[in-house]
Protein backbone atom coordinates (compact mmCIF):
# COMPACT_ATOMS: atom_id res chain seq x y z
CA MET A 1 -79.74 144.89 140.35
CA LEU A 2 -76.82 142.64 141.35
CA HIS A 3 -78.64 141.71 144.54
CA GLY A 4 -81.71 140.64 142.53
CA ARG A 5 -79.53 138.56 140.22
CA GLN A 6 -78.00 136.75 143.21
CA ILE A 7 -81.47 135.88 144.48
CA ASN A 8 -82.41 134.52 141.03
CA GLU A 9 -79.23 132.50 140.89
CA ARG A 10 -79.99 131.03 144.29
CA ALA A 11 -83.51 130.14 143.16
CA ASP A 12 -82.12 128.56 139.99
CA ALA A 13 -79.53 126.67 142.01
CA ALA A 14 -82.24 125.39 144.36
CA ARG A 15 -84.38 124.29 141.40
CA ASN A 16 -81.40 122.55 139.80
CA ARG A 17 -80.56 120.83 143.07
CA GLY A 18 -84.12 119.54 143.33
CA LYS A 19 -84.13 118.37 139.72
CA ILE A 20 -80.79 116.59 140.16
CA LEU A 21 -81.83 114.85 143.38
CA SER A 22 -85.16 113.76 141.88
CA ALA A 23 -83.45 112.43 138.76
CA ALA A 24 -80.79 110.62 140.79
CA ALA A 25 -83.36 109.05 143.12
CA ARG A 26 -85.47 107.91 140.18
CA LEU A 27 -82.54 106.46 138.22
CA PHE A 28 -80.98 104.80 141.28
CA ALA A 29 -84.33 103.17 142.12
CA GLU A 30 -84.85 101.97 138.53
CA LYS A 31 -81.33 100.81 137.65
CA GLY A 32 -79.34 100.56 140.87
CA VAL A 33 -76.71 102.96 142.13
CA GLU A 34 -73.76 101.25 140.44
CA ALA A 35 -75.40 101.18 137.00
CA VAL A 36 -76.13 104.91 136.83
CA SER A 37 -73.54 107.37 135.54
CA MET A 38 -73.24 111.02 136.43
CA ASP A 39 -73.83 111.78 132.72
CA ALA A 40 -77.15 109.92 132.85
CA ILE A 41 -78.20 111.87 135.96
CA ALA A 42 -77.31 115.21 134.34
CA ALA A 43 -79.25 114.28 131.20
CA GLU A 44 -82.28 113.10 133.18
CA ALA A 45 -82.24 116.28 135.28
CA GLY A 46 -81.80 118.51 132.25
CA VAL A 47 -78.68 120.19 133.63
CA GLY A 48 -75.11 120.39 132.43
CA LYS A 49 -72.53 117.96 133.76
CA GLY A 50 -70.59 120.88 135.19
CA THR A 51 -73.57 121.91 137.31
CA LEU A 52 -73.90 118.39 138.65
CA PHE A 53 -70.20 117.96 139.43
CA ARG A 54 -69.86 121.43 141.00
CA ARG A 55 -72.83 120.81 143.25
CA PHE A 56 -72.22 117.20 144.33
CA GLY A 57 -68.72 116.20 143.20
CA ASP A 58 -69.52 112.56 142.49
CA LYS A 59 -72.11 109.85 143.12
CA SER A 60 -71.13 109.59 146.79
CA GLY A 61 -71.95 113.30 147.18
CA LEU A 62 -75.33 112.62 145.61
CA ALA A 63 -75.84 109.65 147.95
CA VAL A 64 -75.11 111.82 151.00
CA ALA A 65 -77.55 114.49 149.78
CA LEU A 66 -80.29 111.92 149.09
CA LEU A 67 -79.83 110.34 152.52
CA ASP A 68 -79.76 113.65 154.37
CA GLU A 69 -83.53 114.09 154.75
CA ARG A 70 -84.05 110.45 155.71
CA GLU A 71 -81.36 110.75 158.39
CA ARG A 72 -82.94 113.93 159.75
CA VAL A 73 -86.29 112.16 160.14
CA LEU A 74 -84.64 109.38 162.17
CA GLN A 75 -82.68 111.90 164.23
CA GLU A 76 -85.88 113.83 165.00
CA ARG A 77 -87.58 110.62 166.15
CA ILE A 78 -84.60 109.90 168.42
CA LEU A 79 -84.58 113.38 169.92
CA ASN A 80 -88.30 114.10 170.19
CA GLY A 81 -90.27 110.98 169.30
CA PRO A 82 -92.12 108.66 171.60
CA PRO A 83 -90.28 106.07 173.67
CA PRO A 84 -88.58 103.70 173.39
CA LEU A 85 -86.79 105.33 170.42
CA GLY A 86 -87.34 108.81 171.82
CA PRO A 87 -86.70 110.05 175.36
CA GLY A 88 -88.43 108.49 178.33
CA ALA A 89 -87.43 104.83 178.11
CA PRO A 90 -84.55 103.07 179.86
CA ALA A 91 -81.24 103.44 178.01
CA ARG A 92 -81.02 99.74 177.05
CA ASP A 93 -84.54 99.88 175.54
CA ARG A 94 -83.67 103.05 173.67
CA LEU A 95 -80.47 101.49 172.32
CA THR A 96 -82.35 98.41 171.09
CA ALA A 97 -85.01 100.64 169.50
CA PHE A 98 -82.33 102.80 167.87
CA VAL A 99 -80.53 99.82 166.34
CA ASP A 100 -83.84 98.44 165.06
CA ALA A 101 -84.82 101.82 163.53
CA TYR A 102 -81.34 102.29 162.09
CA LEU A 103 -81.48 98.85 160.48
CA ASP A 104 -84.84 99.78 158.91
CA TYR A 105 -83.19 102.87 157.42
CA LEU A 106 -80.02 100.99 156.42
CA PHE A 107 -81.69 98.08 154.65
CA ALA A 108 -84.15 100.40 152.88
CA HIS A 109 -81.26 102.46 151.43
CA LEU A 110 -78.36 100.02 151.51
CA ASP A 111 -76.79 100.91 148.15
CA LEU A 112 -76.89 104.65 148.86
CA VAL A 113 -75.50 104.21 152.37
CA ARG A 114 -72.74 101.96 151.01
CA MET A 115 -71.87 104.56 148.37
CA SER A 116 -71.69 107.34 150.97
CA GLU A 117 -69.67 105.26 153.45
CA THR A 118 -67.09 103.89 151.02
CA ALA A 119 -66.41 106.89 148.78
CA SER A 120 -62.93 107.19 150.27
CA PRO A 121 -61.06 105.66 153.21
CA GLY A 122 -62.76 106.75 156.42
CA ALA A 123 -65.70 108.39 154.63
CA ARG A 124 -68.22 106.81 157.00
CA TYR A 125 -66.65 108.48 160.01
CA ARG A 126 -66.63 111.95 158.43
CA ILE A 127 -70.38 111.93 157.72
CA GLY A 128 -72.22 114.14 160.19
CA ALA A 129 -74.94 111.54 160.67
CA TYR A 130 -72.39 108.95 161.80
CA ARG A 131 -71.15 111.34 164.47
CA PHE A 132 -74.76 111.72 165.65
CA TRP A 133 -75.32 107.93 165.72
CA HIS A 134 -72.03 107.45 167.57
CA ARG A 135 -72.78 110.09 170.19
CA HIS A 136 -76.28 108.73 170.74
CA THR A 137 -75.13 105.13 171.18
CA ALA A 138 -72.22 106.21 173.41
CA ILE A 139 -74.61 108.08 175.73
CA LEU A 140 -76.95 105.09 175.91
CA LEU A 141 -74.09 102.63 176.44
CA ALA A 142 -72.64 104.79 179.23
CA ALA A 143 -76.03 104.80 180.96
CA SER A 144 -76.47 101.04 180.45
CA ARG A 145 -72.90 100.07 181.34
CA PRO A 146 -71.54 102.55 183.91
CA GLY A 147 -67.76 102.58 183.96
CA SER A 148 -67.40 101.15 180.45
CA ASP A 149 -65.51 102.84 177.65
CA ALA A 150 -68.75 103.84 175.92
CA ASP A 151 -67.09 105.81 173.11
CA VAL A 152 -65.07 102.80 171.96
CA LEU A 153 -67.97 100.39 172.48
CA SER A 154 -70.16 102.69 170.40
CA HIS A 155 -67.77 102.47 167.44
CA ALA A 156 -67.59 98.68 167.87
CA LEU A 157 -71.39 98.35 167.91
CA LEU A 158 -71.83 100.66 164.92
CA ALA A 159 -69.25 98.62 162.99
CA ALA A 160 -71.90 95.89 162.81
CA THR A 161 -74.20 98.37 161.07
CA ALA A 162 -71.71 99.45 158.40
CA ALA A 163 -73.30 99.11 154.96
CA GLU A 164 -70.57 96.75 153.74
CA VAL A 165 -71.08 94.43 156.72
CA ALA A 166 -74.88 94.63 156.56
CA GLY A 167 -74.79 93.92 152.83
CA VAL A 168 -72.68 90.80 153.29
CA LEU A 169 -74.83 89.58 156.19
CA ARG A 170 -78.03 90.11 154.21
CA ALA A 171 -76.64 88.44 151.09
CA GLU A 172 -75.29 85.41 152.93
CA TYR A 173 -77.87 84.92 155.69
CA GLY A 174 -80.91 87.01 154.83
CA GLU A 175 -82.11 90.22 156.40
CA ALA A 176 -83.95 88.57 159.31
CA ARG A 177 -80.86 86.68 160.49
CA ALA A 178 -78.69 89.78 160.04
CA ARG A 179 -81.10 91.81 162.18
CA ASP A 180 -81.29 89.09 164.82
CA ALA A 181 -77.50 88.88 165.07
CA ILE A 182 -77.01 92.63 165.37
CA THR A 183 -79.82 92.86 167.94
CA ALA A 184 -78.20 90.01 169.90
CA LEU A 185 -74.98 92.01 169.89
CA VAL A 186 -76.83 94.93 171.49
CA GLY A 187 -78.29 92.56 174.09
CA ALA A 188 -74.84 91.20 174.89
CA LEU A 189 -73.50 94.72 175.39
CA VAL A 190 -76.26 95.96 177.67
CA GLY A 191 -77.19 92.72 179.42
């Protein structure tokens, strides 16, 4: 009997997780990430505040969960998609394609990415997706610039794609100029 109860609790937890993420996505899209409280998300999802806080901790935890599937799609395209984003193209072409695809993802979800990256000092670097992006760019930089310190260059390049930086660039210069500048940075790194 206990085993059956655990299965039901897991099913309930999965349903609650889905309801919370749907409610958060809907409210964030309608009102903006900053304007939505955890209380409003719990009410919209029809769950108690305790359930919400235990599951996600805070809005940055919700942001990470909402971004997770979108990041997986991009990672799958990088690992198994067609070139130049996927395998089979020269490293410099893959790096340019990655930055372009990442900027699509970033600008489409800028407020959520910002929330996940700035939740606490260093939060961006603890996110599993960042480690993936860093490793991928480091491999491509090493292939494009033999003998370079690709790990450090990868962090430097990805700094230009931080949500705070991208948000300022977009606000001050527009998205097209921001993209052009970041793409030019890639070109300067790989020649």
